[in-house]
Protein backbone atom coordinates (compact mmCIF):
# COMPACT_ATOMS: atom_id res chain seq x y z
CA MET A 1 -2.56 6.70 -12.19
CA ILE A 2 -0.77 7.69 -15.28
CA ASN A 3 2.94 7.87 -16.17
CA GLU A 4 4.64 10.65 -17.98
CA LYS A 5 4.82 8.94 -21.31
CA GLU A 6 1.03 8.41 -21.10
CA LEU A 7 0.36 11.99 -20.20
CA LEU A 8 2.40 13.21 -23.13
CA ASN A 9 0.38 10.79 -25.52
CA LEU A 10 -2.80 11.95 -23.90
CA ILE A 11 -2.10 15.56 -24.38
CA GLN A 12 -0.96 15.23 -28.07
CA THR A 13 -4.14 12.98 -28.78
CA SER A 14 -6.37 15.62 -26.83
CA ILE A 15 -5.13 18.58 -28.96
CA LYS A 16 -4.70 16.80 -32.06
CA SER A 17 -1.35 18.21 -32.37
CA LYS A 18 0.94 17.06 -35.29
CA LYS A 19 4.23 18.31 -33.36
CA LYS A 20 5.31 15.91 -30.82
CA ILE A 21 4.63 16.89 -27.25
CA THR A 22 7.65 17.11 -24.84
CA LEU A 23 8.26 18.46 -21.39
CA LYS A 24 9.06 21.77 -22.90
CA SER A 25 5.59 21.84 -24.63
CA ASN A 26 3.17 24.69 -23.43
CA SER A 27 0.25 26.62 -24.59
CA ASP A 28 2.38 29.32 -26.39
CA ASN A 29 4.64 26.94 -28.45
CA THR A 30 2.14 24.19 -29.24
CA ASP A 31 -0.51 24.61 -32.12
CA GLY A 32 -3.83 23.40 -30.89
CA TRP A 33 -3.29 24.25 -27.10
CA ASP A 34 -5.85 27.18 -26.86
CA SER A 35 -8.85 27.37 -24.72
CA LEU A 36 -10.73 24.50 -26.37
CA GLY A 37 -7.52 22.46 -26.39
CA GLN A 38 -7.14 22.93 -22.70
CA LEU A 39 -10.76 21.80 -22.09
CA SER A 40 -10.02 18.82 -24.19
CA ILE A 41 -6.85 18.05 -22.12
CA LEU A 42 -8.80 18.35 -18.83
CA THR A 43 -11.64 16.13 -19.97
CA SER A 44 -9.20 13.61 -21.30
CA LEU A 45 -7.21 13.45 -18.21
CA ASP A 46 -10.36 13.23 -16.04
CA LYS A 47 -11.50 10.25 -17.98
CA LYS A 48 -8.16 8.47 -17.73
CA LEU A 49 -8.13 9.13 -13.96
CA ASN A 50 -11.71 7.99 -13.22
CA GLY A 51 -12.94 11.62 -12.43
CA LYS A 52 -10.45 12.30 -9.87
CA THR A 53 -9.10 15.33 -11.40
CA SER A 54 -12.29 17.23 -11.92
CA LYS A 55 -12.03 18.96 -8.59
CA LEU A 56 -8.33 20.05 -9.04
CA SER A 57 -9.09 23.89 -10.24
CA SER A 58 -5.27 24.35 -10.53
CA LEU A 59 -5.35 22.07 -13.62
CA ALA A 60 -7.62 24.66 -15.46
CA THR A 61 -5.02 27.14 -15.48
CA ALA A 62 -1.97 24.82 -15.94
CA ASP A 63 -0.69 25.71 -19.46
CA SER A 64 2.39 23.73 -19.60
CA ILE A 65 3.43 20.10 -19.44
CA VAL A 66 5.75 20.92 -16.52
CA LYS A 67 2.70 22.64 -14.35
CA ILE A 68 0.38 19.65 -15.24
CA LEU A 69 3.17 17.12 -14.05
CA LYS A 70 3.80 19.04 -10.85
CA ILE A 71 0.05 19.11 -10.02
CA LEU A 72 -0.44 15.33 -10.76
CA LYS A 73 2.76 14.56 -8.69
CA SER A 74 1.67 16.60 -5.80
CA LYS A 75 -2.01 14.70 -5.72
CA ARG A 76 0.01 11.45 -6.37
CA PHE A 77 -1.73 10.69 -9.73
CA LEU A 78 1.65 10.19 -11.47
CA LYS A 79 3.54 6.90 -11.44
C-alpha cells in the first residue's frame, strides 16, 4: 500500500524533477516526465508495491498524477 504523499514523492524522485509534483502534474507540464521518466515511475512503483503493479497495463499509459491515483485506488493499492 502507498498513500498519496508517498506517491507524489516517489514520482518526483523517479523523474528527478526539481519542480514540486502535485495533483496537477502530468507528462505535459512536468520536466523529466517523458517516456524514460514514465518507465522510471513504473519501475519505482512496482518496487514499492512488491511487484503487484507490473501486470497493470493501464499504468503504462497513465500520464498524470490523477490517472495514476485512480488506477491505484481501483486496485486498492492506495491507502
